[in-house]
Amino acid sequence: MRMKILILSFLIFLFATCKKEDTVTSPQMLVQDLIPLNVGNYWIYKGVVLDVNGNPDSTAGVWQDSSVVTAQRIMAGKQAYEITSYRNAQPSSLMYVAKDGDKYYVYFYFPSTGTPLDSLANKWFLWVDPASQSWNVFDQQVKFVLDSASGLTVSGNLSVNASKGANETISITNQTVQSEQFIWDVNLSGKIDQLPGSNLTLTFKQRWYFYKGIGLVKYQTDPMTVRIVVPLVADTTMKFEGERNLIVNYKLMQPTADIVAMRNVEPRSDIFIFKKSFAPYLNAVNKVINR
């Protein structure tokens, strides 16, 4: 089966992995931005699986993620910074971040796939707004293929709502900081079109923790819950593992007065990570539908 749960695609993540460093290098900055954006900035994280109850489980998997500000360019009408991410030194995602006052917008890039995934790709979303307690990120009707072999499709409403969460104390090598938390609450409520009376819901939270002058110091995907109801056939609730990534090192480049050339060349994308990341979800849902 080839299920494509679009919501997960543009939230997978956002920052991935590279080689480990042991020392922190951070120059003094005149402006302490929540997300410092200069070409050459990088952040390195240690990741761990969260079990279905949200507890770290190193036996289930650990990794190193890294994110690098690789370019400055015009993207879909905004002056933006390109951030390339890696997981265990392999490219995992590509995104763009634009700053407007204290607000940060994010653009998750991947090429057209000919699926409803396209409705969530290649658009600007308000990512972080320190002055607001909550805002709507996305609210739209979607339709996607659940199982290409049987032709099953799902249609419904996908909503993503953002809010400010509780601050959290985080240790970074030789210092302790009070980070600001921002949450995206993702909800899909729909039906399997070919099964009358059916219902499918999917919920999870994506959390980002920032500290001014450093940037993203922690990010977390909470365990996901999927419920499938088919009258007289199944009423199944499934929970899937999440993940947590905590900063271990970073380096910020000194701001300069040099003019950075704006490039409009086509950005690259490493779409393979999506299929690899979704395999456990696809297999589990497929078993429920086809049993």
C-alpha atoms as a PDB file:
ATOM      1  CA  MET A   1       0.000   0.000   0.000  1.00  0.00           C
ATOM      2  CA  ARG A   2       1.091   3.504  -0.710  1.00  0.00           C
ATOM      3  CA  MET A   3      -0.595   5.737   1.830  1.00  0.00           C
ATOM      4  CA  LYS A   4       0.465   9.354   1.740  1.00  0.00           C
ATOM      5  CA  ILE A   5      -0.466  11.138   4.946  1.00  0.00           C
ATOM      6  CA  LEU A   6       0.354  14.621   3.787  1.00  0.00           C
ATOM      7  CA  ILE A   7       0.427  16.357   7.093  1.00  0.00           C
ATOM      8  CA  LEU A   8       3.392  14.412   8.269  1.00  0.00           C
ATOM      9  CA  SER A   9       5.345  15.252   5.157  1.00  0.00           C
ATOM     10  CA  PHE A  10       5.762  18.940   5.738  1.00  0.00           C
ATOM     11  CA  LEU A  11       6.282  18.516   9.475  1.00  0.00           C
ATOM     12  CA  ILE A  12       8.863  15.832   9.431  1.00  0.00           C
ATOM     13  CA  PHE A  13      10.817  17.285  10.383  1.00  0.00           C
ATOM     14  CA  LEU A  14      12.605  20.178  10.012  1.00  0.00           C
ATOM     15  CA  PHE A  15      16.138  19.814  11.197  1.00  0.00           C
ATOM     16  CA  ALA A  16      18.346  16.656  10.716  1.00  0.00           C
ATOM     17  CA  THR A  17      21.954  15.281  11.337  1.00  0.00           C
ATOM     18  CA  CYS A  18      25.716  15.581  10.793  1.00  0.00           C
ATOM     19  CA  LYS A  19      29.009  15.043  12.677  1.00  0.00           C
ATOM     20  CA  LYS A  20      29.286  15.758  16.392  1.00  0.00           C
ATOM     21  CA  GLU A  21      31.229  18.695  17.830  1.00  0.00           C
ATOM     22  CA  ASP A  22      32.371  19.181  21.412  1.00  0.00           C
ATOM     23  CA  THR A  23      32.690  22.933  21.792  1.00  0.00           C
ATOM     24  CA  VAL A  24      30.282  25.804  21.376  1.00  0.00           C
ATOM     25  CA  THR A  25      31.336  28.833  19.394  1.00  0.00           C
ATOM     26  CA  SER A  26      29.039  31.856  19.391  1.00  0.00           C
ATOM     27  CA  PRO A  27      30.162  35.396  18.603  1.00  0.00           C
ATOM     28  CA  GLN A  28      28.659  38.383  20.302  1.00  0.00           C
ATOM     29  CA  MET A  29      25.711  39.651  18.287  1.00  0.00           C
ATOM     30  CA  LEU A  30      24.312  43.150  18.249  1.00  0.00           C
ATOM     31  CA  VAL A  31      20.770  41.876  17.783  1.00  0.00           C
ATOM     32  CA  GLN A  32      19.686  38.809  19.717  1.00  0.00           C
ATOM     33  CA  ASP A  33      17.326  37.246  17.186  1.00  0.00           C
ATOM     34  CA  LEU A  34      15.174  34.316  18.205  1.00  0.00           C
ATOM     35  CA  ILE A  35      16.466  32.548  15.093  1.00  0.00           C
ATOM     36  CA  PRO A  36      19.866  33.927  14.022  1.00  0.00           C
ATOM     37  CA  LEU A  37      19.981  33.839  10.233  1.00  0.00           C
ATOM     38  CA  ASN A  38      23.398  34.199   8.646  1.00  0.00           C
ATOM     39  CA  VAL A  39      24.824  32.003   5.926  1.00  0.00           C
ATOM     40  CA  GLY A  40      27.170  29.513   7.568  1.00  0.00           C
ATOM     41  CA  ASN A  41      25.305  29.240  10.864  1.00  0.00           C
ATOM     42  CA  TYR A  42      24.841  25.641  11.969  1.00  0.00           C
ATOM     43  CA  TRP A  43      23.233  23.710  14.810  1.00  0.00           C
ATOM     44  CA  ILE A  44      23.861  20.091  15.821  1.00  0.00           C
ATOM     45  CA  TYR A  45      21.398  17.953  17.780  1.00  0.00           C
ATOM     46  CA  LYS A  46      21.184  14.560  19.417  1.00  0.00           C
ATOM     47  CA  GLY A  47      17.935  12.752  18.708  1.00  0.00           C
ATOM     48  CA  VAL A  48      16.101   9.965  20.488  1.00  0.00           C
ATOM     49  CA  VAL A  49      12.879   8.037  19.933  1.00  0.00           C
ATOM     50  CA  LEU A  50       9.922   8.770  22.214  1.00  0.00           C
ATOM     51  CA  ASP A  51       7.787   5.741  23.028  1.00  0.00           C
ATOM     52  CA  VAL A  52       3.995   5.920  22.645  1.00  0.00           C
ATOM     53  CA  ASN A  53       3.759   7.411  26.148  1.00  0.00           C
ATOM     54  CA  GLY A  54       6.227  10.179  25.320  1.00  0.00           C
ATOM     55  CA  ASN A  55       9.192   8.755  27.253  1.00  0.00           C
ATOM     56  CA  PRO A  56      12.707   8.695  25.714  1.00  0.00           C
ATOM     57  CA  ASP A  57      13.697   5.228  24.524  1.00  0.00           C
ATOM     58  CA  SER A  58      17.318   5.108  23.409  1.00  0.00           C
ATOM     59  CA  THR A  59      17.029   1.379  22.708  1.00  0.00           C
ATOM     60  CA  ALA A  60      14.584   2.177  19.897  1.00  0.00           C
ATOM     61  CA  GLY A  61      16.886   4.576  18.113  1.00  0.00           C
ATOM     62  CA  VAL A  62      19.284   7.516  18.483  1.00  0.00           C
ATOM     63  CA  TRP A  63      20.842   9.752  15.839  1.00  0.00           C
ATOM     64  CA  GLN A  64      22.594  13.029  15.136  1.00  0.00           C
ATOM     65  CA  ASP A  65      20.849  15.848  13.315  1.00  0.00           C
ATOM     66  CA  SER A  66      22.322  19.035  11.941  1.00  0.00           C
ATOM     67  CA  SER A  67      20.991  22.125  10.193  1.00  0.00           C
ATOM     68  CA  VAL A  68      23.037  24.594   8.173  1.00  0.00           C
ATOM     69  CA  VAL A  69      22.083  27.983   6.740  1.00  0.00           C
ATOM     70  CA  THR A  70      23.352  27.308   3.235  1.00  0.00           C
ATOM     71  CA  ALA A  71      22.168  30.302   1.195  1.00  0.00           C
ATOM     72  CA  GLN A  72      20.180  33.502   1.025  1.00  0.00           C
ATOM     73  CA  ARG A  73      17.711  33.829  -1.819  1.00  0.00           C
ATOM     74  CA  ILE A  74      14.314  35.105  -2.938  1.00  0.00           C
ATOM     75  CA  MET A  75      11.758  32.336  -2.437  1.00  0.00           C
ATOM     76  CA  ALA A  76       8.135  32.822  -3.513  1.00  0.00           C
ATOM     77  CA  GLY A  77       8.331  36.562  -3.073  1.00  0.00           C
ATOM     78  CA  LYS A  78      10.139  36.641   0.270  1.00  0.00           C
ATOM     79  CA  GLN A  79      13.765  37.306   1.103  1.00  0.00           C
ATOM     80  CA  ALA A  80      14.650  34.052   2.803  1.00  0.00           C
ATOM     81  CA  TYR A  81      17.432  31.898   4.164  1.00  0.00           C
ATOM     82  CA  GLU A  82      17.828  28.345   2.938  1.00  0.00           C
ATOM     83  CA  ILE A  83      18.341  25.738   5.663  1.00  0.00           C
ATOM     84  CA  THR A  84      19.583  22.309   4.666  1.00  0.00           C
ATOM     85  CA  SER A  85      19.176  19.529   7.211  1.00  0.00           C
ATOM     86  CA  TYR A  86      20.919  16.201   7.636  1.00  0.00           C
ATOM     87  CA  ARG A  87      20.315  13.032   9.595  1.00  0.00           C
ATOM     88  CA  ASN A  88      23.396  10.951  10.292  1.00  0.00           C
ATOM     89  CA  ALA A  89      25.183  12.985   7.601  1.00  0.00           C
ATOM     90  CA  GLN A  90      22.540  12.188   4.965  1.00  0.00           C
ATOM     91  CA  PRO A  91      20.381  15.005   3.506  1.00  0.00           C
ATOM     92  CA  SER A  92      16.898  14.853   5.028  1.00  0.00           C
ATOM     93  CA  SER A  93      15.020  18.079   4.303  1.00  0.00           C
ATOM     94  CA  LEU A  94      15.132  21.535   2.809  1.00  0.00           C
ATOM     95  CA  MET A  95      13.333  24.584   4.165  1.00  0.00           C
ATOM     96  CA  TYR A  96      13.338  28.351   3.937  1.00  0.00           C
ATOM     97  CA  VAL A  97      12.900  30.860   6.757  1.00  0.00           C
ATOM     98  CA  ALA A  98      11.947  34.517   6.347  1.00  0.00           C
ATOM     99  CA  LYS A  99      11.830  37.158   9.074  1.00  0.00           C
ATOM    100  CA  ASP A 100       9.266  39.973   9.239  1.00  0.00           C
ATOM    101  CA  GLY A 101       9.744  42.042  12.384  1.00  0.00           C
ATOM    102  CA  ASP A 102       9.665  39.495  15.199  1.00  0.00           C
ATOM    103  CA  LYS A 103       7.683  36.966  13.134  1.00  0.00           C
ATOM    104  CA  TYR A 104       9.245  34.033  11.335  1.00  0.00           C
ATOM    105  CA  TYR A 105       7.741  32.332   8.294  1.00  0.00           C
ATOM    106  CA  VAL A 106       8.677  28.875   7.070  1.00  0.00           C
ATOM    107  CA  TYR A 107       8.500  27.317   3.607  1.00  0.00           C
ATOM    108  CA  PHE A 108       8.953  23.557   3.336  1.00  0.00           C
ATOM    109  CA  TYR A 109      10.248  22.664  -0.090  1.00  0.00           C
ATOM    110  CA  PHE A 110       9.743  19.478  -2.050  1.00  0.00           C
ATOM    111  CA  PRO A 111       8.911  18.980  -5.726  1.00  0.00           C
ATOM    112  CA  SER A 112       5.480  18.212  -7.139  1.00  0.00           C
ATOM    113  CA  THR A 113       4.450  14.613  -6.558  1.00  0.00           C
ATOM    114  CA  GLY A 114       1.081  14.602  -8.314  1.00  0.00           C
ATOM    115  CA  THR A 115      -0.631  13.800  -5.009  1.00  0.00           C
ATOM    116  CA  PRO A 116      -2.517  15.842  -2.384  1.00  0.00           C
ATOM    117  CA  LEU A 117       0.868  16.246  -0.744  1.00  0.00           C
ATOM    118  CA  ASP A 118       1.209  19.173  -3.118  1.00  0.00           C
ATOM    119  CA  SER A 119      -1.454  21.154  -1.234  1.00  0.00           C
ATOM    120  CA  LEU A 120       0.886  21.405   1.754  1.00  0.00           C
ATOM    121  CA  ALA A 121       4.162  21.848  -0.059  1.00  0.00           C
ATOM    122  CA  ASN A 122       5.860  24.973  -1.285  1.00  0.00           C
ATOM    123  CA  LYS A 123       3.857  27.561   0.632  1.00  0.00           C
ATOM    124  CA  TRP A 124       4.734  30.102   3.279  1.00  0.00           C
ATOM    125  CA  PHE A 125       3.351  29.482   6.777  1.00  0.00           C
ATOM    126  CA  LEU A 126       3.584  31.641   9.894  1.00  0.00           C
ATOM    127  CA  TRP A 127       5.935  29.530  11.991  1.00  0.00           C
ATOM    128  CA  VAL A 128       6.750  31.620  15.073  1.00  0.00           C
ATOM    129  CA  ASP A 129       5.017  34.754  16.394  1.00  0.00           C
ATOM    130  CA  PRO A 130       6.304  35.734  19.857  1.00  0.00           C
ATOM    131  CA  ALA A 131       3.637  38.443  20.215  1.00  0.00           C
ATOM    132  CA  SER A 132       0.663  36.082  19.755  1.00  0.00           C
ATOM    133  CA  GLN A 133      -0.705  33.410  22.053  1.00  0.00           C
ATOM    134  CA  SER A 134      -2.244  31.447  19.163  1.00  0.00           C
ATOM    135  CA  TRP A 135      -2.900  31.566  15.419  1.00  0.00           C
ATOM    136  CA  ASN A 136      -4.132  29.371  12.589  1.00  0.00           C
ATOM    137  CA  VAL A 137      -1.472  27.901  10.339  1.00  0.00           C
ATOM    138  CA  PHE A 138      -3.542  25.775   7.960  1.00  0.00           C
ATOM    139  CA  ASP A 139      -7.205  24.763   7.623  1.00  0.00           C
ATOM    140  CA  GLN A 140      -8.290  23.085   4.426  1.00  0.00           C
ATOM    141  CA  GLN A 141     -10.139  20.143   2.923  1.00  0.00           C
ATOM    142  CA  VAL A 142      -7.733  17.490   1.653  1.00  0.00           C
ATOM    143  CA  LYS A 143      -7.941  14.179  -0.165  1.00  0.00           C
ATOM    144  CA  PHE A 144      -5.244  11.545  -0.528  1.00  0.00           C
ATOM    145  CA  VAL A 145      -4.697   7.930  -1.515  1.00  0.00           C
ATOM    146  CA  LEU A 146      -4.718   5.539   1.423  1.00  0.00           C
ATOM    147  CA  ASP A 147      -4.075   2.333  -0.502  1.00  0.00           C
ATOM    148  CA  SER A 148      -3.220   2.502  -4.194  1.00  0.00           C
ATOM    149  CA  ALA A 149      -3.690  -1.251  -4.668  1.00  0.00           C
ATOM    150  CA  SER A 150      -7.351  -1.186  -3.582  1.00  0.00           C
ATOM    151  CA  GLY A 151      -8.035   2.380  -4.647  1.00  0.00           C
ATOM    152  CA  LEU A 152      -9.027   3.496  -1.143  1.00  0.00           C
ATOM    153  CA  THR A 153      -8.927   7.249  -0.603  1.00  0.00           C
ATOM    154  CA  VAL A 154      -9.388   9.498   2.420  1.00  0.00           C
ATOM    155  CA  SER A 155     -11.017  12.918   2.368  1.00  0.00           C
ATOM    156  CA  GLY A 156     -11.463  15.292   5.265  1.00  0.00           C
ATOM    157  CA  ASN A 157     -10.299  18.440   6.992  1.00  0.00           C
ATOM    158  CA  LEU A 158      -6.702  19.070   7.934  1.00  0.00           C
ATOM    159  CA  SER A 159      -6.072  21.806  10.489  1.00  0.00           C
ATOM    160  CA  VAL A 160      -2.846  23.063  12.006  1.00  0.00           C
ATOM    161  CA  ASN A 161      -3.154  25.501  14.900  1.00  0.00           C
ATOM    162  CA  ALA A 162      -0.193  27.176  16.571  1.00  0.00           C
ATOM    163  CA  SER A 163       0.203  28.376  20.150  1.00  0.00           C
ATOM    164  CA  LYS A 164       2.817  29.457  22.663  1.00  0.00           C
ATOM    165  CA  GLY A 165       3.718  26.789  25.198  1.00  0.00           C
ATOM    166  CA  ALA A 166       5.425  26.890  28.567  1.00  0.00           C
ATOM    167  CA  ASN A 167       9.041  28.024  28.698  1.00  0.00           C
ATOM    168  CA  GLU A 168      11.564  25.289  29.423  1.00  0.00           C
ATOM    169  CA  THR A 169      15.042  25.317  30.940  1.00  0.00           C
ATOM    170  CA  ILE A 170      17.581  23.657  28.657  1.00  0.00           C
ATOM    171  CA  SER A 171      21.280  22.985  29.257  1.00  0.00           C
ATOM    172  CA  ILE A 172      23.628  23.686  26.356  1.00  0.00           C
ATOM    173  CA  THR A 173      27.173  22.475  27.061  1.00  0.00           C
ATOM    174  CA  ASN A 174      28.403  25.110  29.525  1.00  0.00           C
ATOM    175  CA  GLN A 175      25.266  27.194  29.951  1.00  0.00           C
ATOM    176  CA  THR A 176      21.613  26.908  30.942  1.00  0.00           C
ATOM    177  CA  VAL A 177      18.968  28.868  29.044  1.00  0.00           C
ATOM    178  CA  GLN A 178      15.251  29.548  29.386  1.00  0.00           C
ATOM    179  CA  SER A 179      13.770  28.606  26.021  1.00  0.00           C
ATOM    180  CA  GLU A 180      10.504  29.770  24.454  1.00  0.00           C
ATOM    181  CA  GLN A 181       8.185  27.008  23.245  1.00  0.00           C
ATOM    182  CA  PHE A 182       5.929  27.134  20.185  1.00  0.00           C
ATOM    183  CA  ILE A 183       3.503  24.332  19.316  1.00  0.00           C
ATOM    184  CA  TRP A 184       1.766  23.229  16.140  1.00  0.00           C
ATOM    185  CA  ASP A 185      -1.308  21.108  16.891  1.00  0.00           C
ATOM    186  CA  VAL A 186      -2.058  18.918  13.861  1.00  0.00           C
ATOM    187  CA  ASN A 187      -5.488  17.344  13.388  1.00  0.00           C
ATOM    188  CA  LEU A 188      -6.955  15.374  10.503  1.00  0.00           C
ATOM    189  CA  SER A 189     -10.630  14.410  10.618  1.00  0.00           C
ATOM    190  CA  GLY A 190     -11.949  12.519   7.634  1.00  0.00           C
ATOM    191  CA  LYS A 191     -13.443   9.382   6.166  1.00  0.00           C
ATOM    192  CA  ILE A 192     -12.465   6.517   3.917  1.00  0.00           C
ATOM    193  CA  ASP A 193     -14.463   7.407   0.829  1.00  0.00           C
ATOM    194  CA  GLN A 194     -15.222   3.846  -0.266  1.00  0.00           C
ATOM    195  CA  LEU A 195     -16.451   2.705   3.182  1.00  0.00           C
ATOM    196  CA  PRO A 196     -19.808   4.305   4.129  1.00  0.00           C
ATOM    197  CA  GLY A 197     -19.957   5.561   7.710  1.00  0.00           C
ATOM    198  CA  SER A 198     -16.209   5.243   8.220  1.00  0.00           C
ATOM    199  CA  ASN A 199     -14.156   7.743  10.172  1.00  0.00           C
ATOM    200  CA  LEU A 200     -10.426   8.395  10.354  1.00  0.00           C
ATOM    201  CA  THR A 201      -8.745  10.822  12.752  1.00  0.00           C
ATOM    202  CA  LEU A 202      -5.097  11.644  13.235  1.00  0.00           C
ATOM    203  CA  THR A 203      -3.616  13.931  15.900  1.00  0.00           C
ATOM    204  CA  PHE A 204      -0.161  14.930  17.084  1.00  0.00           C
ATOM    205  CA  LYS A 205       1.814  17.965  18.237  1.00  0.00           C
ATOM    206  CA  GLN A 206       5.046  19.400  16.893  1.00  0.00           C
ATOM    207  CA  ARG A 207       7.049  21.471  19.393  1.00  0.00           C
ATOM    208  CA  TRP A 208       9.918  23.914  18.857  1.00  0.00           C
ATOM    209  CA  TYR A 209      12.003  25.539  21.593  1.00  0.00           C
ATOM    210  CA  PHE A 210      14.020  28.680  20.819  1.00  0.00           C
ATOM    211  CA  TYR A 211      16.475  30.836  22.707  1.00  0.00           C
ATOM    212  CA  LYS A 212      17.397  34.338  21.560  1.00  0.00           C
ATOM    213  CA  GLY A 213      20.889  34.579  20.186  1.00  0.00           C
ATOM    214  CA  ILE A 214      21.181  30.821  19.647  1.00  0.00           C
ATOM    215  CA  GLY A 215      18.093  29.694  17.749  1.00  0.00           C
ATOM    216  CA  LEU A 216      16.369  26.328  17.850  1.00  0.00           C
ATOM    217  CA  VAL A 217      17.638  24.486  20.932  1.00  0.00           C
ATOM    218  CA  LYS A 218      15.126  21.632  20.981  1.00  0.00           C
ATOM    219  CA  TYR A 219      12.385  20.239  18.759  1.00  0.00           C
ATOM    220  CA  GLN A 220      10.004  17.402  19.349  1.00  0.00           C
ATOM    221  CA  THR A 221       7.314  15.425  17.559  1.00  0.00           C
ATOM    222  CA  ASP A 222       4.890  14.025  20.128  1.00  0.00           C
ATOM    223  CA  PRO A 223       3.587  10.458  19.712  1.00  0.00           C
ATOM    224  CA  MET A 224       0.832  10.347  17.108  1.00  0.00           C
ATOM    225  CA  THR A 225      -2.639   8.865  17.588  1.00  0.00           C
ATOM    226  CA  VAL A 226      -4.648   7.433  14.684  1.00  0.00           C
ATOM    227  CA  ARG A 227      -8.183   6.105  15.053  1.00  0.00           C
ATOM    228  CA  ILE A 228     -10.025   4.226  12.306  1.00  0.00           C
ATOM    229  CA  VAL A 229     -13.703   3.365  12.644  1.00  0.00           C
ATOM    230  CA  VAL A 230     -15.513   1.221  10.079  1.00  0.00           C
ATOM    231  CA  PRO A 231     -19.036   0.297  11.277  1.00  0.00           C
ATOM    232  CA  LEU A 232     -19.420  -3.424  12.031  1.00  0.00           C
ATOM    233  CA  VAL A 233     -15.834  -3.999  10.900  1.00  0.00           C
ATOM    234  CA  ALA A 234     -13.275  -2.162  13.027  1.00  0.00           C
ATOM    235  CA  ASP A 235     -12.802   0.447  15.722  1.00  0.00           C
ATOM    236  CA  THR A 236      -9.061   0.648  16.154  1.00  0.00           C
ATOM    237  CA  THR A 237      -6.847   3.205  17.876  1.00  0.00           C
ATOM    238  CA  MET A 238      -3.148   3.128  17.115  1.00  0.00           C
ATOM    239  CA  LYS A 239      -0.321   5.104  18.697  1.00  0.00           C
ATOM    240  CA  PHE A 240       2.993   5.742  17.023  1.00  0.00           C
ATOM    241  CA  GLU A 241       6.359   6.761  18.445  1.00  0.00           C
ATOM    242  CA  GLY A 242       7.587  10.336  18.393  1.00  0.00           C
ATOM    243  CA  GLU A 243      11.050  11.841  18.581  1.00  0.00           C
ATOM    244  CA  ARG A 244      13.005  14.465  20.504  1.00  0.00           C
ATOM    245  CA  ASN A 245      16.085  16.388  19.356  1.00  0.00           C
ATOM    246  CA  LEU A 246      18.245  18.407  21.760  1.00  0.00           C
ATOM    247  CA  ILE A 247      21.033  20.781  20.766  1.00  0.00           C
ATOM    248  CA  VAL A 248      24.598  19.684  21.565  1.00  0.00           C
ATOM    249  CA  ASN A 249      26.555  22.316  19.661  1.00  0.00           C
ATOM    250  CA  TYR A 250      26.186  25.297  17.357  1.00  0.00           C
ATOM    251  CA  LYS A 251      28.176  27.965  15.576  1.00  0.00           C
ATOM    252  CA  LEU A 252      26.957  31.414  14.533  1.00  0.00           C
ATOM    253  CA  MET A 253      28.813  33.441  11.943  1.00  0.00           C
ATOM    254  CA  GLN A 254      29.623  37.095  12.509  1.00  0.00           C
ATOM    255  CA  PRO A 255      27.185  39.362  10.646  1.00  0.00           C
ATOM    256  CA  THR A 256      28.952  41.269   7.887  1.00  0.00           C
ATOM    257  CA  ALA A 257      28.172  44.192   5.638  1.00  0.00           C
ATOM    258  CA  ASP A 258      28.837  42.091   2.549  1.00  0.00           C
ATOM    259  CA  ILE A 259      26.020  41.932   0.041  1.00  0.00           C
ATOM    260  CA  VAL A 260      24.803  38.373  -0.341  1.00  0.00           C
ATOM    261  CA  ALA A 261      23.691  37.686  -3.897  1.00  0.00           C
ATOM    262  CA  MET A 262      20.049  36.658  -4.195  1.00  0.00           C
ATOM    263  CA  ARG A 263      19.735  33.538  -6.271  1.00  0.00           C
ATOM    264  CA  ASN A 264      16.579  32.332  -7.968  1.00  0.00           C
ATOM    265  CA  VAL A 265      17.956  28.991  -9.065  1.00  0.00           C
ATOM    266  CA  GLU A 266      15.781  25.963  -8.513  1.00  0.00           C
ATOM    267  CA  PRO A 267      16.461  24.573  -5.013  1.00  0.00           C
ATOM    268  CA  ARG A 268      17.144  20.900  -4.580  1.00  0.00           C
ATOM    269  CA  SER A 269      15.132  18.498  -2.460  1.00  0.00           C
ATOM    270  CA  ASP A 270      15.720  15.121  -0.856  1.00  0.00           C
ATOM    271  CA  ILE A 271      12.248  13.654  -1.099  1.00  0.00           C
ATOM    272  CA  PHE A 272      13.403  10.120  -0.267  1.00  0.00           C
ATOM    273  CA  ILE A 273      13.298  10.849   3.454  1.00  0.00           C
ATOM    274  CA  PHE A 274       9.505  11.102   3.386  1.00  0.00           C
ATOM    275  CA  LYS A 275       8.907   7.564   2.134  1.00  0.00           C
ATOM    276  CA  LYS A 276      11.478   6.176   4.554  1.00  0.00           C
ATOM    277  CA  SER A 277       9.995   8.010   7.530  1.00  0.00           C
ATOM    278  CA  PHE A 278       6.399   6.978   6.847  1.00  0.00           C
ATOM    279  CA  ALA A 279       6.940   3.246   6.402  1.00  0.00           C
ATOM    280  CA  PRO A 280       5.816   2.244   9.949  1.00  0.00           C
ATOM    281  CA  TYR A 281       2.631   4.317   9.698  1.00  0.00           C
ATOM    282  CA  LEU A 282       1.726   2.998   6.269  1.00  0.00           C
ATOM    283  CA  ASN A 283       2.183  -0.622   7.254  1.00  0.00           C
ATOM    284  CA  ALA A 284       0.142  -0.309  10.458  1.00  0.00           C
ATOM    285  CA  VAL A 285      -2.820   1.439   8.849  1.00  0.00           C
ATOM    286  CA  ASN A 286      -2.755  -0.972   5.928  1.00  0.00           C
ATOM    287  CA  LYS A 287      -3.138  -3.944   8.286  1.00  0.00           C
ATOM    288  CA  VAL A 288      -6.254  -2.440   9.883  1.00  0.00           C
ATOM    289  CA  ILE A 289      -7.936  -1.629   6.579  1.00  0.00           C
ATOM    290  CA  ASN A 290      -7.231  -4.952   4.909  1.00  0.00           C
ATOM    291  CA  ARG A 291      -7.765  -7.403   7.725  1.00  0.00           C
END
